[in-house]
Amino acid sequence: MRGVSESVNQIWSNVRIAVVGELWKHRNKMIFKSDRIDHIEIFTMAQLKAWSWVTNKARGISFSYSDWCLESLVCMRTVKNY
C-alpha cells in the first residue's frame, strides 16, 4: 500500500495469508466433512490468527485483541519493528 510504512505492508501481507488460510480450512471442512460455511467463524479466526502473528512477531505491542478487532489499521500503525 502506498503511504504506509513497511511494517504495515508486512502486516497486511500476513492478514491476507490468515484470511486465505481460513478460507482454505473451511473449504476443506465443506468438502471432506460436509460441514456448512460459517462466515463469522472464518472472519473471527482470520482476525485472531493475524493478531496472534503480529503480537508474537513484533516487540513492544501495546494493543489488545479487542483493540485489533475495532481498529486494526490504527494498531498496525503503532507497530514500528515488524
N, C-alpha and C. Protein backbone atom coordinates (compact mmCIF):
# COMPACT_ATOMS: atom_id res chain seq x y z
N MET A 1 0.84 -1.18 0.00
CA MET A 1 0.00 0.00 0.00
C MET A 1 0.88 1.24 0.00
N ARG A 2 0.45 2.22 -0.71
CA ARG A 2 1.20 3.47 -0.74
C ARG A 2 0.87 4.33 0.47
N GLY A 3 1.87 5.05 0.93
CA GLY A 3 1.66 6.00 2.01
C GLY A 3 1.67 5.39 3.41
N VAL A 4 2.04 4.12 3.51
CA VAL A 4 2.13 3.49 4.84
C VAL A 4 3.52 2.90 5.00
N SER A 5 3.88 2.61 6.22
CA SER A 5 5.22 2.09 6.49
C SER A 5 5.38 0.66 6.00
N GLU A 6 6.63 0.25 5.92
CA GLU A 6 6.93 -1.12 5.51
C GLU A 6 6.35 -2.12 6.50
N SER A 7 6.34 -1.78 7.79
CA SER A 7 5.75 -2.67 8.80
C SER A 7 4.28 -2.93 8.52
N VAL A 8 3.54 -1.87 8.19
CA VAL A 8 2.12 -2.01 7.89
C VAL A 8 1.93 -2.89 6.66
N ASN A 9 2.76 -2.71 5.64
CA ASN A 9 2.66 -3.56 4.44
C ASN A 9 2.91 -5.02 4.78
N GLN A 10 3.88 -5.29 5.64
CA GLN A 10 4.16 -6.67 6.03
C GLN A 10 3.01 -7.25 6.84
N ILE A 11 2.42 -6.45 7.68
CA ILE A 11 1.27 -6.92 8.47
C ILE A 11 0.11 -7.24 7.54
N TRP A 12 -0.16 -6.37 6.55
CA TRP A 12 -1.23 -6.64 5.59
C TRP A 12 -0.99 -7.94 4.85
N SER A 13 0.26 -8.23 4.54
CA SER A 13 0.59 -9.48 3.89
C SER A 13 0.21 -10.66 4.77
N ASN A 14 0.50 -10.57 6.06
CA ASN A 14 0.12 -11.63 7.00
C ASN A 14 -1.39 -11.73 7.16
N VAL A 15 -2.09 -10.61 7.12
CA VAL A 15 -3.55 -10.63 7.20
C VAL A 15 -4.12 -11.39 6.00
N ARG A 16 -3.58 -11.11 4.83
CA ARG A 16 -4.03 -11.84 3.63
C ARG A 16 -3.81 -13.35 3.77
N ILE A 17 -2.64 -13.72 4.28
CA ILE A 17 -2.34 -15.14 4.47
C ILE A 17 -3.31 -15.76 5.47
N ALA A 18 -3.62 -15.05 6.54
CA ALA A 18 -4.56 -15.57 7.54
C ALA A 18 -5.94 -15.78 6.94
N VAL A 19 -6.40 -14.84 6.13
CA VAL A 19 -7.72 -14.95 5.51
C VAL A 19 -7.76 -16.12 4.53
N VAL A 20 -6.77 -16.21 3.68
CA VAL A 20 -6.72 -17.31 2.71
C VAL A 20 -6.63 -18.65 3.42
N GLY A 21 -5.83 -18.72 4.48
CA GLY A 21 -5.70 -19.96 5.24
C GLY A 21 -7.02 -20.40 5.85
N GLU A 22 -7.76 -19.46 6.41
CA GLU A 22 -9.06 -19.81 7.00
C GLU A 22 -10.07 -20.20 5.93
N LEU A 23 -10.05 -19.50 4.80
CA LEU A 23 -10.95 -19.90 3.70
C LEU A 23 -10.64 -21.31 3.23
N TRP A 24 -9.37 -21.63 3.12
CA TRP A 24 -8.95 -22.96 2.68
C TRP A 24 -9.38 -24.02 3.70
N LYS A 25 -9.18 -23.72 4.98
CA LYS A 25 -9.55 -24.65 6.03
C LYS A 25 -11.06 -24.94 6.00
N HIS A 26 -11.86 -23.90 5.85
CA HIS A 26 -13.30 -24.09 5.80
C HIS A 26 -13.75 -24.76 4.51
N ARG A 27 -13.07 -24.49 3.43
CA ARG A 27 -13.36 -25.18 2.18
C ARG A 27 -13.17 -26.68 2.36
N ASN A 28 -12.06 -27.06 3.01
CA ASN A 28 -11.80 -28.47 3.24
C ASN A 28 -12.84 -29.09 4.17
N LYS A 29 -13.29 -28.36 5.17
CA LYS A 29 -14.34 -28.86 6.05
C LYS A 29 -15.62 -29.09 5.26
N MET A 30 -15.92 -28.21 4.32
CA MET A 30 -17.12 -28.38 3.50
C MET A 30 -17.01 -29.63 2.63
N ILE A 31 -15.87 -29.81 2.01
CA ILE A 31 -15.69 -30.91 1.07
C ILE A 31 -15.58 -32.25 1.78
N PHE A 32 -14.74 -32.34 2.78
CA PHE A 32 -14.41 -33.62 3.40
C PHE A 32 -15.28 -34.00 4.59
N LYS A 33 -15.93 -33.02 5.21
CA LYS A 33 -16.76 -33.32 6.39
C LYS A 33 -18.20 -32.89 6.19
N SER A 34 -18.55 -32.45 5.00
CA SER A 34 -19.90 -31.98 4.68
C SER A 34 -20.38 -30.93 5.67
N ASP A 35 -19.46 -30.08 6.08
CA ASP A 35 -19.76 -29.01 7.02
C ASP A 35 -20.33 -27.82 6.27
N ARG A 36 -20.96 -26.93 6.98
CA ARG A 36 -21.52 -25.72 6.37
C ARG A 36 -20.56 -24.55 6.54
N ILE A 37 -20.69 -23.58 5.67
CA ILE A 37 -19.86 -22.37 5.76
C ILE A 37 -20.38 -21.51 6.91
N ASP A 38 -19.46 -21.06 7.72
CA ASP A 38 -19.79 -20.13 8.80
C ASP A 38 -18.93 -18.88 8.59
N HIS A 39 -19.52 -17.89 7.94
CA HIS A 39 -18.78 -16.68 7.59
C HIS A 39 -18.20 -15.97 8.80
N ILE A 40 -18.95 -15.96 9.87
CA ILE A 40 -18.48 -15.28 11.07
C ILE A 40 -17.27 -16.00 11.65
N GLU A 41 -17.31 -17.32 11.65
CA GLU A 41 -16.16 -18.08 12.17
C GLU A 41 -14.93 -17.86 11.31
N ILE A 42 -15.10 -17.83 10.00
CA ILE A 42 -13.96 -17.59 9.10
C ILE A 42 -13.33 -16.24 9.42
N PHE A 43 -14.16 -15.21 9.51
CA PHE A 43 -13.67 -13.86 9.77
C PHE A 43 -13.00 -13.78 11.15
N THR A 44 -13.65 -14.34 12.16
CA THR A 44 -13.12 -14.27 13.52
C THR A 44 -11.79 -15.00 13.64
N MET A 45 -11.70 -16.20 13.06
CA MET A 45 -10.47 -16.97 13.16
C MET A 45 -9.33 -16.31 12.38
N ALA A 46 -9.63 -15.72 11.22
CA ALA A 46 -8.60 -14.99 10.47
C ALA A 46 -8.11 -13.79 11.26
N GLN A 47 -9.03 -13.09 11.90
CA GLN A 47 -8.68 -11.93 12.71
C GLN A 47 -7.81 -12.35 13.90
N LEU A 48 -8.19 -13.42 14.56
CA LEU A 48 -7.43 -13.92 15.71
C LEU A 48 -6.04 -14.39 15.29
N LYS A 49 -5.97 -15.11 14.17
CA LYS A 49 -4.68 -15.61 13.69
C LYS A 49 -3.75 -14.45 13.33
N ALA A 50 -4.26 -13.45 12.63
CA ALA A 50 -3.43 -12.30 12.25
C ALA A 50 -2.96 -11.54 13.48
N TRP A 51 -3.85 -11.32 14.44
CA TRP A 51 -3.47 -10.63 15.68
C TRP A 51 -2.40 -11.42 16.42
N SER A 52 -2.56 -12.73 16.48
CA SER A 52 -1.59 -13.58 17.16
C SER A 52 -0.22 -13.49 16.50
N TRP A 53 -0.18 -13.54 15.18
CA TRP A 53 1.09 -13.43 14.46
C TRP A 53 1.76 -12.09 14.72
N VAL A 54 0.98 -11.02 14.64
CA VAL A 54 1.53 -9.67 14.83
C VAL A 54 2.08 -9.51 16.24
N THR A 55 1.32 -9.91 17.23
CA THR A 55 1.75 -9.71 18.61
C THR A 55 2.92 -10.62 18.98
N ASN A 56 3.07 -11.74 18.33
CA ASN A 56 4.20 -12.61 18.63
C ASN A 56 5.46 -12.22 17.88
N LYS A 57 5.30 -11.58 16.73
CA LYS A 57 6.48 -11.23 15.93
C LYS A 57 7.05 -9.85 16.29
N ALA A 58 6.18 -8.89 16.52
CA ALA A 58 6.63 -7.52 16.80
C ALA A 58 6.88 -7.35 18.30
N ARG A 59 7.77 -6.46 18.62
CA ARG A 59 8.08 -6.18 20.03
C ARG A 59 7.38 -4.89 20.46
N GLY A 60 7.08 -4.84 21.73
CA GLY A 60 6.51 -3.62 22.29
C GLY A 60 5.07 -3.36 21.87
N ILE A 61 4.32 -4.40 21.63
CA ILE A 61 2.92 -4.23 21.24
C ILE A 61 2.12 -3.76 22.44
N SER A 62 1.30 -2.74 22.23
CA SER A 62 0.52 -2.21 23.35
C SER A 62 -0.98 -2.24 23.07
N PHE A 63 -1.41 -3.09 22.13
CA PHE A 63 -2.84 -3.17 21.86
C PHE A 63 -3.35 -4.58 22.11
N SER A 64 -4.60 -4.65 22.53
CA SER A 64 -5.23 -5.92 22.85
C SER A 64 -5.95 -6.48 21.62
N TYR A 65 -6.44 -7.69 21.77
CA TYR A 65 -7.21 -8.30 20.68
C TYR A 65 -8.47 -7.49 20.38
N SER A 66 -9.11 -6.97 21.41
CA SER A 66 -10.31 -6.15 21.17
C SER A 66 -9.96 -4.86 20.44
N ASP A 67 -8.81 -4.26 20.76
CA ASP A 67 -8.36 -3.08 20.01
C ASP A 67 -8.14 -3.44 18.54
N TRP A 68 -7.51 -4.60 18.31
CA TRP A 68 -7.24 -5.08 16.96
C TRP A 68 -8.55 -5.27 16.18
N CYS A 69 -9.55 -5.82 16.84
CA CYS A 69 -10.84 -6.05 16.18
C CYS A 69 -11.54 -4.75 15.82
N LEU A 70 -11.41 -3.77 16.69
CA LEU A 70 -12.12 -2.50 16.47
C LEU A 70 -11.38 -1.54 15.54
N GLU A 71 -10.05 -1.48 15.64
CA GLU A 71 -9.26 -0.50 14.89
C GLU A 71 -7.95 -1.12 14.40
N SER A 72 -8.05 -2.08 13.51
CA SER A 72 -6.85 -2.79 13.04
C SER A 72 -5.81 -1.87 12.44
N LEU A 73 -6.23 -0.96 11.59
CA LEU A 73 -5.27 -0.08 10.92
C LEU A 73 -4.55 0.82 11.92
N VAL A 74 -5.26 1.31 12.91
CA VAL A 74 -4.63 2.13 13.95
C VAL A 74 -3.59 1.30 14.69
N CYS A 75 -3.94 0.05 15.00
CA CYS A 75 -3.00 -0.84 15.68
C CYS A 75 -1.77 -1.10 14.80
N MET A 76 -2.00 -1.34 13.52
CA MET A 76 -0.89 -1.60 12.60
C MET A 76 0.10 -0.43 12.56
N ARG A 77 -0.43 0.78 12.60
CA ARG A 77 0.43 1.96 12.53
C ARG A 77 1.28 2.16 13.78
N THR A 78 0.92 1.50 14.89
CA THR A 78 1.72 1.62 16.10
C THR A 78 2.91 0.67 16.10
N VAL A 79 2.90 -0.31 15.19
CA VAL A 79 3.99 -1.28 15.13
C VAL A 79 5.17 -0.65 14.38
N LYS A 80 6.31 -0.61 15.03
CA LYS A 80 7.49 0.02 14.43
C LYS A 80 8.47 -0.98 13.87
N ASN A 81 8.63 -2.11 14.52
CA ASN A 81 9.64 -3.08 14.12
C ASN A 81 9.01 -4.44 13.84
N TYR A 82 8.63 -4.63 12.63
CA TYR A 82 7.98 -5.89 12.27
C TYR A 82 8.84 -6.62 11.27
